[in-house]
Amino acid sequence: ALARAVYGETRLVVLDEPNASLDGDGERALVNCLTALKQRKV
């Protein structure tokens, strides 16, 4: 679902409790995703 949220030319991403069901690997992937979105000026 996170991949669906960041797909394409997205300029606004809204995440409601994005780590609610994530394990350690998933949380690290989420942090990396947020960092990449910040770099893309999303």
PDB file of all heavy atoms in Angstrom:
ATOM      1  N   ALA A   1       0.829  -1.208   0.000  1.00  0.00           N
ATOM      2  CA  ALA A   1       0.000   0.000   0.000  1.00  0.00           C
ATOM      3  C   ALA A   1       0.863   1.259   0.000  1.00  0.00           C
ATOM      4  O   ALA A   1       0.501   2.276  -0.612  1.00  0.00           O
ATOM      5  CB  ALA A   1      -0.932   0.000   1.210  1.00  0.00           C
ATOM      6  N   LEU A   2       2.012   1.209   0.672  1.00  0.00           N
ATOM      7  CA  LEU A   2       2.943   2.341   0.649  1.00  0.00           C
ATOM      8  C   LEU A   2       3.496   2.540  -0.766  1.00  0.00           C
ATOM      9  O   LEU A   2       3.624   3.682  -1.232  1.00  0.00           O
ATOM     10  CB  LEU A   2       4.081   2.099   1.643  1.00  0.00           C
ATOM     11  CG  LEU A   2       5.167   3.177   1.708  1.00  0.00           C
ATOM     12  CD1 LEU A   2       4.564   4.526   2.106  1.00  0.00           C
ATOM     13  CD2 LEU A   2       6.268   2.772   2.688  1.00  0.00           C
ATOM     14  N   ALA A   3       3.796   1.442  -1.457  1.00  0.00           N
ATOM     15  CA  ALA A   3       4.250   1.546  -2.848  1.00  0.00           C
ATOM     16  C   ALA A   3       3.179   2.196  -3.713  1.00  0.00           C
ATOM     17  O   ALA A   3       3.476   3.011  -4.594  1.00  0.00           O
ATOM     18  CB  ALA A   3       4.615   0.162  -3.388  1.00  0.00           C
ATOM     19  N   ARG A   4       1.931   1.835  -3.480  1.00  0.00           N
ATOM     20  CA  ARG A   4       0.826   2.460  -4.219  1.00  0.00           C
ATOM     21  C   ARG A   4       0.753   3.964  -3.927  1.00  0.00           C
ATOM     22  O   ARG A   4       0.487   4.769  -4.814  1.00  0.00           O
ATOM     23  CB  ARG A   4      -0.494   1.787  -3.837  1.00  0.00           C
ATOM     24  CG  ARG A   4      -1.719   2.366  -4.512  1.00  0.00           C
ATOM     25  CD  ARG A   4      -2.974   1.617  -4.104  1.00  0.00           C
ATOM     26  NE  ARG A   4      -3.226   1.700  -2.667  1.00  0.00           N
ATOM     27  CZ  ARG A   4      -4.168   1.018  -2.028  1.00  0.00           C
ATOM     28  NH1 ARG A   4      -4.931   0.177  -2.704  1.00  0.00           N
ATOM     29  NH2 ARG A   4      -4.339   1.141  -0.729  1.00  0.00           N
ATOM     30  N   ALA A   5       1.006   4.342  -2.673  1.00  0.00           N
ATOM     31  CA  ALA A   5       0.916   5.754  -2.280  1.00  0.00           C
ATOM     32  C   ALA A   5       2.008   6.610  -2.916  1.00  0.00           C
ATOM     33  O   ALA A   5       1.802   7.796  -3.162  1.00  0.00           O
ATOM     34  CB  ALA A   5       0.971   5.871  -0.759  1.00  0.00           C
ATOM     35  N   VAL A   6       3.182   6.023  -3.178  1.00  0.00           N
ATOM     36  CA  VAL A   6       4.305   6.818  -3.706  1.00  0.00           C
ATOM     37  C   VAL A   6       4.512   6.590  -5.203  1.00  0.00           C
ATOM     38  O   VAL A   6       5.492   7.056  -5.772  1.00  0.00           O
ATOM     39  CB  VAL A   6       5.611   6.490  -2.941  1.00  0.00           C
ATOM     40  CG1 VAL A   6       5.447   6.798  -1.464  1.00  0.00           C
ATOM     41  CG2 VAL A   6       6.029   5.026  -3.136  1.00  0.00           C
ATOM     42  N   TYR A   7       3.582   5.883  -5.850  1.00  0.00           N
ATOM     43  CA  TYR A   7       3.725   5.552  -7.266  1.00  0.00           C
ATOM     44  C   TYR A   7       3.642   6.798  -8.149  1.00  0.00           C
ATOM     45  O   TYR A   7       2.841   7.714  -7.916  1.00  0.00           O
ATOM     46  CB  TYR A   7       2.630   4.554  -7.666  1.00  0.00           C
ATOM     47  CG  TYR A   7       2.507   4.318  -9.145  1.00  0.00           C
ATOM     48  CD1 TYR A   7       3.376   3.476  -9.811  1.00  0.00           C
ATOM     49  CD2 TYR A   7       1.508   4.962  -9.891  1.00  0.00           C
ATOM     50  CE1 TYR A   7       3.257   3.256 -11.176  1.00  0.00           C
ATOM     51  CE2 TYR A   7       1.383   4.744 -11.251  1.00  0.00           C
ATOM     52  CZ  TYR A   7       2.258   3.885 -11.888  1.00  0.00           C
ATOM     53  OH  TYR A   7       2.140   3.683 -13.234  1.00  0.00           O
ATOM     54  N   GLY A   8       4.442   6.838  -9.184  1.00  0.00           N
ATOM     55  CA  GLY A   8       4.323   7.852 -10.228  1.00  0.00           C
ATOM     56  C   GLY A   8       4.823   9.232  -9.828  1.00  0.00           C
ATOM     57  O   GLY A   8       5.818   9.372  -9.120  1.00  0.00           O
ATOM     58  N   GLU A   9       4.065  10.234 -10.265  1.00  0.00           N
ATOM     59  CA  GLU A   9       4.477  11.623 -10.089  1.00  0.00           C
ATOM     60  C   GLU A   9       3.850  12.256  -8.849  1.00  0.00           C
ATOM     61  O   GLU A   9       3.533  13.447  -8.825  1.00  0.00           O
ATOM     62  CB  GLU A   9       4.089  12.436 -11.326  1.00  0.00           C
ATOM     63  CG  GLU A   9       4.666  11.896 -12.627  1.00  0.00           C
ATOM     64  CD  GLU A   9       4.147  12.656 -13.830  1.00  0.00           C
ATOM     65  OE1 GLU A   9       4.096  13.901 -13.751  1.00  0.00           O
ATOM     66  OE2 GLU A   9       3.792  12.007 -14.828  1.00  0.00           O
ATOM     67  N   THR A  10       3.656  11.479  -7.818  1.00  0.00           N
ATOM     68  CA  THR A  10       3.006  11.962  -6.608  1.00  0.00           C
ATOM     69  C   THR A  10       3.731  13.174  -6.031  1.00  0.00           C
ATOM     70  O   THR A  10       4.946  13.162  -5.861  1.00  0.00           O
ATOM     71  CB  THR A  10       2.961  10.839  -5.549  1.00  0.00           C
ATOM     72  OG1 THR A  10       2.290   9.711  -6.110  1.00  0.00           O
ATOM     73  CG2 THR A  10       2.212  11.295  -4.322  1.00  0.00           C
ATOM     74  N   ARG A  11       2.954  14.224  -5.715  1.00  0.00           N
ATOM     75  CA  ARG A  11       3.524  15.441  -5.123  1.00  0.00           C
ATOM     76  C   ARG A  11       3.059  15.650  -3.688  1.00  0.00           C
ATOM     77  O   ARG A  11       3.606  16.461  -2.968  1.00  0.00           O
ATOM     78  CB  ARG A  11       3.128  16.672  -5.952  1.00  0.00           C
ATOM     79  CG  ARG A  11       3.561  16.641  -7.402  1.00  0.00           C
ATOM     80  CD  ARG A  11       5.041  16.350  -7.560  1.00  0.00           C
ATOM     81  NE  ARG A  11       5.863  17.273  -6.784  1.00  0.00           N
ATOM     82  CZ  ARG A  11       7.131  17.027  -6.450  1.00  0.00           C
ATOM     83  NH1 ARG A  11       7.695  15.870  -6.777  1.00  0.00           N
ATOM     84  NH2 ARG A  11       7.816  17.911  -5.764  1.00  0.00           N
ATOM     85  N   LEU A  12       2.015  14.937  -3.284  1.00  0.00           N
ATOM     86  CA  LEU A  12       1.528  15.001  -1.900  1.00  0.00           C
ATOM     87  C   LEU A  12       1.259  13.585  -1.424  1.00  0.00           C
ATOM     88  O   LEU A  12       0.492  12.852  -2.042  1.00  0.00           O
ATOM     89  CB  LEU A  12       0.237  15.832  -1.815  1.00  0.00           C
ATOM     90  CG  LEU A  12      -0.512  15.779  -0.476  1.00  0.00           C
ATOM     91  CD1 LEU A  12       0.329  16.391   0.645  1.00  0.00           C
ATOM     92  CD2 LEU A  12      -1.867  16.492  -0.588  1.00  0.00           C
ATOM     93  N   VAL A  13       1.930  13.202  -0.326  1.00  0.00           N
ATOM     94  CA  VAL A  13       1.748  11.864   0.239  1.00  0.00           C
ATOM     95  C   VAL A  13       1.275  12.029   1.679  1.00  0.00           C
ATOM     96  O   VAL A  13       1.915  12.729   2.475  1.00  0.00           O
ATOM     97  CB  VAL A  13       3.057  11.051   0.204  1.00  0.00           C
ATOM     98  CG1 VAL A  13       2.879   9.724   0.936  1.00  0.00           C
ATOM     99  CG2 VAL A  13       3.485  10.804  -1.234  1.00  0.00           C
ATOM    100  N   VAL A  14       0.146  11.379   1.998  1.00  0.00           N
ATOM    101  CA  VAL A  14      -0.423  11.423   3.345  1.00  0.00           C
ATOM    102  C   VAL A  14      -0.426   9.999   3.891  1.00  0.00           C
ATOM    103  O   VAL A  14      -1.022   9.096   3.285  1.00  0.00           O
ATOM    104  CB  VAL A  14      -1.850  12.006   3.334  1.00  0.00           C
ATOM    105  CG1 VAL A  14      -2.424  12.022   4.743  1.00  0.00           C
ATOM    106  CG2 VAL A  14      -1.836  13.418   2.756  1.00  0.00           C
ATOM    107  N   LEU A  15       0.245   9.800   5.021  1.00  0.00           N
ATOM    108  CA  LEU A  15       0.420   8.475   5.611  1.00  0.00           C
ATOM    109  C   LEU A  15      -0.189   8.457   7.005  1.00  0.00           C
ATOM    110  O   LEU A  15       0.236   9.212   7.877  1.00  0.00           O
ATOM    111  CB  LEU A  15       1.914   8.118   5.690  1.00  0.00           C
ATOM    112  CG  LEU A  15       2.727   8.289   4.394  1.00  0.00           C
ATOM    113  CD1 LEU A  15       4.211   8.057   4.669  1.00  0.00           C
ATOM    114  CD2 LEU A  15       2.220   7.338   3.319  1.00  0.00           C
ATOM    115  N   ASP A  16      -1.186   7.619   7.194  1.00  0.00           N
ATOM    116  CA  ASP A  16      -1.854   7.508   8.495  1.00  0.00           C
ATOM    117  C   ASP A  16      -1.371   6.243   9.196  1.00  0.00           C
ATOM    118  O   ASP A  16      -1.727   5.133   8.806  1.00  0.00           O
ATOM    119  CB  ASP A  16      -3.369   7.462   8.293  1.00  0.00           C
ATOM    120  CG  ASP A  16      -4.141   7.643   9.599  1.00  0.00           C
ATOM    121  OD1 ASP A  16      -3.504   7.687  10.665  1.00  0.00           O
ATOM    122  OD2 ASP A  16      -5.384   7.748   9.532  1.00  0.00           O
ATOM    123  N   GLU A  17      -0.533   6.420  10.226  1.00  0.00           N
ATOM    124  CA  GLU A  17       0.083   5.302  10.956  1.00  0.00           C
ATOM    125  C   GLU A  17       0.775   4.345   9.987  1.00  0.00           C
ATOM    126  O   GLU A  17       0.428   3.151   9.901  1.00  0.00           O
ATOM    127  CB  GLU A  17      -0.977   4.550  11.772  1.00  0.00           C
ATOM    128  CG  GLU A  17      -1.622   5.363  12.875  1.00  0.00           C
ATOM    129  CD  GLU A  17      -0.703   5.561  14.079  1.00  0.00           C
ATOM    130  OE1 GLU A  17       0.439   5.061  14.050  1.00  0.00           O
ATOM    131  OE2 GLU A  17      -1.125   6.220  15.029  1.00  0.00           O
ATOM    132  N   PRO A  18       1.753   4.816   9.229  1.00  0.00           N
ATOM    133  CA  PRO A  18       2.359   3.976   8.188  1.00  0.00           C
ATOM    134  C   PRO A  18       3.163   2.804   8.734  1.00  0.00           C
ATOM    135  O   PRO A  18       3.466   1.880   7.980  1.00  0.00           O
ATOM    136  CB  PRO A  18       3.267   4.956   7.437  1.00  0.00           C
ATOM    137  CG  PRO A  18       3.608   5.999   8.438  1.00  0.00           C
ATOM    138  CD  PRO A  18       2.381   6.156   9.286  1.00  0.00           C
ATOM    139  N   ASN A  19       3.501   2.818  10.013  1.00  0.00           N
ATOM    140  CA  ASN A  19       4.302   1.733  10.581  1.00  0.00           C
ATOM    141  C   ASN A  19       3.497   0.862  11.528  1.00  0.00           C
ATOM    142  O   ASN A  19       4.068   0.111  12.323  1.00  0.00           O
ATOM    143  CB  ASN A  19       5.523   2.315  11.328  1.00  0.00           C
ATOM    144  CG  ASN A  19       5.081   3.232  12.471  1.00  0.00           C
ATOM    145  OD1 ASN A  19       4.012   3.817  12.415  1.00  0.00           O
ATOM    146  ND2 ASN A  19       5.905   3.338  13.504  1.00  0.00           N
ATOM    147  N   ALA A  20       2.160   0.932  11.438  1.00  0.00           N
ATOM    148  CA  ALA A  20       1.317   0.226  12.409  1.00  0.00           C
ATOM    149  C   ALA A  20       1.548  -1.279  12.397  1.00  0.00           C
ATOM    150  O   ALA A  20       1.505  -1.930  13.444  1.00  0.00           O
ATOM    151  CB  ALA A  20      -0.153   0.536  12.122  1.00  0.00           C
ATOM    152  N   SER A  21       1.804  -1.869  11.227  1.00  0.00           N
ATOM    153  CA  SER A  21       1.937  -3.336  11.136  1.00  0.00           C
ATOM    154  C   SER A  21       3.330  -3.771  10.699  1.00  0.00           C
ATOM    155  O   SER A  21       3.524  -4.933  10.327  1.00  0.00           O
ATOM    156  CB  SER A  21       0.897  -3.881  10.143  1.00  0.00           C
ATOM    157  OG  SER A  21      -0.416  -3.515  10.506  1.00  0.00           O
ATOM    158  N   LEU A  22       4.306  -2.854  10.723  1.00  0.00           N
ATOM    159  CA  LEU A  22       5.623  -3.157  10.182  1.00  0.00           C
ATOM    160  C   LEU A  22       6.551  -3.759  11.233  1.00  0.00           C
ATOM    161  O   LEU A  22       6.506  -3.385  12.406  1.00  0.00           O
ATOM    162  CB  LEU A  22       6.267  -1.881   9.613  1.00  0.00           C
ATOM    163  CG  LEU A  22       5.528  -1.203   8.458  1.00  0.00           C
ATOM    164  CD1 LEU A  22       6.290   0.030   8.005  1.00  0.00           C
ATOM    165  CD2 LEU A  22       5.345  -2.173   7.298  1.00  0.00           C
ATOM    166  N   ASP A  23       7.399  -4.695  10.779  1.00  0.00           N
ATOM    167  CA  ASP A  23       8.459  -5.227  11.635  1.00  0.00           C
ATOM    168  C   ASP A  23       9.685  -4.324  11.496  1.00  0.00           C
ATOM    169  O   ASP A  23       9.628  -3.244  10.907  1.00  0.00           O
ATOM    170  CB  ASP A  23       8.779  -6.674  11.254  1.00  0.00           C
ATOM    171  CG  ASP A  23       9.149  -6.820   9.774  1.00  0.00           C
ATOM    172  OD1 ASP A  23       9.424  -5.787   9.116  1.00  0.00           O
ATOM    173  OD2 ASP A  23       9.181  -7.957   9.278  1.00  0.00           O
ATOM    174  N   GLY A  24      10.811  -4.786  12.048  1.00  0.00           N
ATOM    175  CA  GLY A  24      12.030  -3.974  12.005  1.00  0.00           C
ATOM    176  C   GLY A  24      12.474  -3.648  10.598  1.00  0.00           C
ATOM    177  O   GLY A  24      12.804  -2.487  10.289  1.00  0.00           O
ATOM    178  N   ASP A  25      12.467  -4.651   9.707  1.00  0.00           N
ATOM    179  CA  ASP A  25      12.872  -4.401   8.322  1.00  0.00           C
ATOM    180  C   ASP A  25      11.908  -3.437   7.643  1.00  0.00           C
ATOM    181  O   ASP A  25      12.329  -2.554   6.880  1.00  0.00           O
ATOM    182  CB  ASP A  25      12.916  -5.720   7.534  1.00  0.00           C
ATOM    183  CG  ASP A  25      14.071  -6.610   7.990  1.00  0.00           C
ATOM    184  OD1 ASP A  25      15.027  -6.065   8.581  1.00  0.00           O
ATOM    185  OD2 ASP A  25      14.000  -7.832   7.756  1.00  0.00           O
ATOM    186  N   GLY A  26      10.623  -3.601   7.924  1.00  0.00           N
ATOM    187  CA  GLY A  26       9.638  -2.725   7.331  1.00  0.00           C
ATOM    188  C   GLY A  26       9.794  -1.289   7.798  1.00  0.00           C
ATOM    189  O   GLY A  26       9.643  -0.349   7.015  1.00  0.00           O
ATOM    190  N   GLU A  27      10.113  -1.091   9.077  1.00  0.00           N
ATOM    191  CA  GLU A  27      10.297   0.270   9.593  1.00  0.00           C
ATOM    192  C   GLU A  27      11.537   0.918   8.982  1.00  0.00           C
ATOM    193  O   GLU A  27      11.522   2.116   8.678  1.00  0.00           O
ATOM    194  CB  GLU A  27      10.380   0.251  11.118  1.00  0.00           C
ATOM    195  CG  GLU A  27       9.067  -0.094  11.800  1.00  0.00           C
ATOM    196  CD  GLU A  27       9.005   0.435  13.218  1.00  0.00           C
ATOM    197  OE1 GLU A  27       9.951   1.138  13.644  1.00  0.00           O
ATOM    198  OE2 GLU A  27       8.011   0.155  13.901  1.00  0.00           O
ATOM    199  N   ARG A  28      12.582   0.135   8.800  1.00  0.00           N
ATOM    200  CA  ARG A  28      13.781   0.692   8.154  1.00  0.00           C
ATOM    201  C   ARG A  28      13.477   1.083   6.707  1.00  0.00           C
ATOM    202  O   ARG A  28      13.926   2.134   6.228  1.00  0.00           O
ATOM    203  CB  ARG A  28      14.923  -0.336   8.208  1.00  0.00           C
ATOM    204  CG  ARG A  28      15.607  -0.419   9.577  1.00  0.00           C
ATOM    205  CD  ARG A  28      16.853  -1.262   9.509  1.00  0.00           C
ATOM    206  NE  ARG A  28      16.540  -2.677   9.333  1.00  0.00           N
ATOM    207  CZ  ARG A  28      16.268  -3.511  10.330  1.00  0.00           C
ATOM    208  NH1 ARG A  28      16.271  -3.054  11.586  1.00  0.00           N
ATOM    209  NH2 ARG A  28      15.995  -4.776  10.108  1.00  0.00           N
ATOM    210  N   ALA A  29      12.683   0.255   6.019  1.00  0.00           N
ATOM    211  CA  ALA A  29      12.290   0.591   4.649  1.00  0.00           C
ATOM    212  C   ALA A  29      11.438   1.853   4.624  1.00  0.00           C
ATOM    213  O   ALA A  29      11.568   2.694   3.723  1.00  0.00           O
ATOM    214  CB  ALA A  29      11.523  -0.579   4.023  1.00  0.00           C
ATOM    215  N   LEU A  30      10.574   2.023   5.632  1.00  0.00           N
ATOM    216  CA  LEU A  30       9.742   3.219   5.723  1.00  0.00           C
ATOM    217  C   LEU A  30      10.599   4.463   5.926  1.00  0.00           C
ATOM    218  O   LEU A  30      10.369   5.504   5.285  1.00  0.00           O
ATOM    219  CB  LEU A  30       8.723   3.065   6.854  1.00  0.00           C
ATOM    220  CG  LEU A  30       7.852   4.290   7.156  1.00  0.00           C
ATOM    221  CD1 LEU A  30       7.012   4.682   5.946  1.00  0.00           C
ATOM    222  CD2 LEU A  30       6.956   4.021   8.370  1.00  0.00           C
ATOM    223  N   VAL A  31      11.566   4.370   6.813  1.00  0.00           N
ATOM    224  CA  VAL A  31      12.463   5.509   7.056  1.00  0.00           C
ATOM    225  C   VAL A  31      13.206   5.875   5.776  1.00  0.00           C
ATOM    226  O   VAL A  31      13.335   7.064   5.427  1.00  0.00           O
ATOM    227  CB  VAL A  31      13.443   5.184   8.192  1.00  0.00           C
ATOM    228  CG1 VAL A  31      14.540   6.256   8.288  1.00  0.00           C
ATOM    229  CG2 VAL A  31      12.711   5.057   9.519  1.00  0.00           C
ATOM    230  N   ASN A  32      13.703   4.876   5.056  1.00  0.00           N
ATOM    231  CA  ASN A  32      14.405   5.140   3.792  1.00  0.00           C
ATOM    232  C   ASN A  32      13.471   5.795   2.778  1.00  0.00           C
ATOM    233  O   ASN A  32      13.870   6.696   2.026  1.00  0.00           O
ATOM    234  CB  ASN A  32      14.968   3.840   3.218  1.00  0.00           C
ATOM    235  CG  ASN A  32      16.082   3.267   4.083  1.00  0.00           C
ATOM    236  OD1 ASN A  32      16.759   4.003   4.818  1.00  0.00           O
ATOM    237  ND2 ASN A  32      16.278   1.953   4.006  1.00  0.00           N
ATOM    238  N   CYS A  33      12.202   5.343   2.756  1.00  0.00           N
ATOM    239  CA  CYS A  33      11.220   5.903   1.831  1.00  0.00           C
ATOM    240  C   CYS A  33      10.957   7.376   2.161  1.00  0.00           C
ATOM    241  O   CYS A  33      10.933   8.231   1.264  1.00  0.00           O
ATOM    242  CB  CYS A  33       9.921   5.100   1.900  1.00  0.00           C
ATOM    243  SG  CYS A  33       8.616   5.699   0.815  1.00  0.00           S
ATOM    244  N   LEU A  34      10.780   7.683   3.445  1.00  0.00           N
ATOM    245  CA  LEU A  34      10.531   9.072   3.850  1.00  0.00           C
ATOM    246  C   LEU A  34      11.723   9.965   3.511  1.00  0.00           C
ATOM    247  O   LEU A  34      11.544  11.109   3.074  1.00  0.00           O
ATOM    248  CB  LEU A  34      10.228   9.127   5.348  1.00  0.00           C
ATOM    249  CG  LEU A  34       8.912   8.462   5.790  1.00  0.00           C
ATOM    250  CD1 LEU A  34       8.803   8.452   7.308  1.00  0.00           C
ATOM    251  CD2 LEU A  34       7.716   9.169   5.172  1.00  0.00           C
ATOM    252  N   THR A  35      12.912   9.434   3.692  1.00  0.00           N
ATOM    253  CA  THR A  35      14.114  10.204   3.353  1.00  0.00           C
ATOM    254  C   THR A  35      14.176  10.489   1.859  1.00  0.00           C
ATOM    255  O   THR A  35      14.497  11.606   1.432  1.00  0.00           O
ATOM    256  CB  THR A  35      15.367   9.431   3.806  1.00  0.00           C
ATOM    257  OG1 THR A  35      15.289   9.178   5.214  1.00  0.00           O
ATOM    258  CG2 THR A  35      16.629  10.228   3.517  1.00  0.00           C
ATOM    259  N   ALA A  36      13.858   9.469   1.048  1.00  0.00           N
ATOM    260  CA  ALA A  36      13.883   9.645  -0.406  1.00  0.00           C
ATOM    261  C   ALA A  36      12.819  10.641  -0.864  1.00  0.00           C
ATOM    262  O   ALA A  36      13.062  11.466  -1.748  1.00  0.00           O
ATOM    263  CB  ALA A  36      13.679   8.300  -1.096  1.00  0.00           C
ATOM    264  N   LEU A  37      11.631  10.589  -0.253  1.00  0.00           N
ATOM    265  CA  LEU A  37      10.575  11.532  -0.611  1.00  0.00           C
ATOM    266  C   LEU A  37      10.987  12.968  -0.276  1.00  0.00           C
ATOM    267  O   LEU A  37      10.693  13.898  -1.027  1.00  0.00           O
ATOM    268  CB  LEU A  37       9.267  11.171   0.115  1.00  0.00           C
ATOM    269  CG  LEU A  37       8.572   9.872  -0.323  1.00  0.00           C
ATOM    270  CD1 LEU A  37       7.380   9.577   0.584  1.00  0.00           C
ATOM    271  CD2 LEU A  37       8.109   9.953  -1.778  1.00  0.00           C
ATOM    272  N   LYS A  38      11.678  13.125   0.836  1.00  0.00           N
ATOM    273  CA  LYS A  38      12.144  14.452   1.217  1.00  0.00           C
ATOM    274  C   LYS A  38      13.144  14.988   0.197  1.00  0.00           C
ATOM    275  O   LYS A  38      13.117  16.171  -0.178  1.00  0.00           O
ATOM    276  CB  LYS A  38      12.765  14.395   2.616  1.00  0.00           C
ATOM    277  CG  LYS A  38      13.127  15.757   3.206  1.00  0.00           C
ATOM    278  CD  LYS A  38      13.630  15.594   4.626  1.00  0.00           C
ATOM    279  CE  LYS A  38      13.905  16.961   5.255  1.00  0.00           C
ATOM    280  NZ  LYS A  38      12.680  17.758   5.405  1.00  0.00           N
ATOM    281  N   GLN A  39      14.028  14.103  -0.258  1.00  0.00           N
ATOM    282  CA  GLN A  39      15.017  14.512  -1.258  1.00  0.00           C
ATOM    283  C   GLN A  39      14.355  14.894  -2.577  1.00  0.00           C
ATOM    284  O   GLN A  39      14.857  15.749  -3.319  1.00  0.00           O
ATOM    285  CB  GLN A  39      16.022  13.381  -1.480  1.00  0.00           C
ATOM    286  CG  GLN A  39      16.918  13.117  -0.269  1.00  0.00           C
ATOM    287  CD  GLN A  39      17.766  11.856  -0.435  1.00  0.00           C
ATOM    288  OE1 GLN A  39      17.570  11.090  -1.371  1.00  0.00           O
ATOM    289  NE2 GLN A  39      18.720  11.662   0.486  1.00  0.00           N
ATOM    290  N   ARG A  40      13.204  14.275  -2.874  1.00  0.00           N
ATOM    291  CA  ARG A  40      12.480  14.572  -4.115  1.00  0.00           C
ATOM    292  C   ARG A  40      11.561  15.787  -3.982  1.00  0.00           C
ATOM    293  O   ARG A  40      10.822  16.098  -4.906  1.00  0.00           O
ATOM    294  CB  ARG A  40      11.647  13.351  -4.531  1.00  0.00           C
ATOM    295  CG  ARG A  40      12.470  12.118  -4.849  1.00  0.00           C
ATOM    296  CD  ARG A  40      11.557  10.991  -5.297  1.00  0.00           C
ATOM    297  NE  ARG A  40      12.310   9.781  -5.592  1.00  0.00           N
ATOM    298  CZ  ARG A  40      11.789   8.685  -6.143  1.00  0.00           C
ATOM    299  NH1 ARG A  40      10.486   8.662  -6.458  1.00  0.00           N
ATOM    300  NH2 ARG A  40      12.525   7.624  -6.379  1.00  0.00           N
ATOM    301  N   LYS A  41      11.575  16.424  -2.814  1.00  0.00           N
ATOM    302  CA  LYS A  41      10.738  17.598  -2.565  1.00  0.00           C
ATOM    303  C   LYS A  41       9.252  17.264  -2.624  1.00  0.00           C
ATOM    304  O   LYS A  41       8.428  18.081  -3.062  1.00  0.00           O
ATOM    305  CB  LYS A  41      11.049  18.724  -3.560  1.00  0.00           C
ATOM    306  CG  LYS A  41      12.500  19.184  -3.550  1.00  0.00           C
ATOM    307  CD  LYS A  41      12.891  19.773  -2.202  1.00  0.00           C
ATOM    308  CE  LYS A  41      14.328  20.289  -2.220  1.00  0.00           C
ATOM    309  NZ  LYS A  41      14.745  20.830  -0.892  1.00  0.00           N
ATOM    310  N   VAL A  42       8.900  16.039  -2.192  1.00  0.00           N
ATOM    311  CA  VAL A  42       7.500  15.642  -2.107  1.00  0.00           C
ATOM    312  C   VAL A  42       6.963  16.065  -0.739  1.00  0.00           C
ATOM    313  O   VAL A  42       7.608  15.840   0.285  1.00  0.00           O
ATOM    314  CB  VAL A  42       7.350  14.118  -2.293  1.00  0.00           C
ATOM    315  CG1 VAL A  42       5.895  13.695  -2.071  1.00  0.00           C
ATOM    316  CG2 VAL A  42       7.820  13.699  -3.673  1.00  0.00           C
TER     317      VAL A  42
END
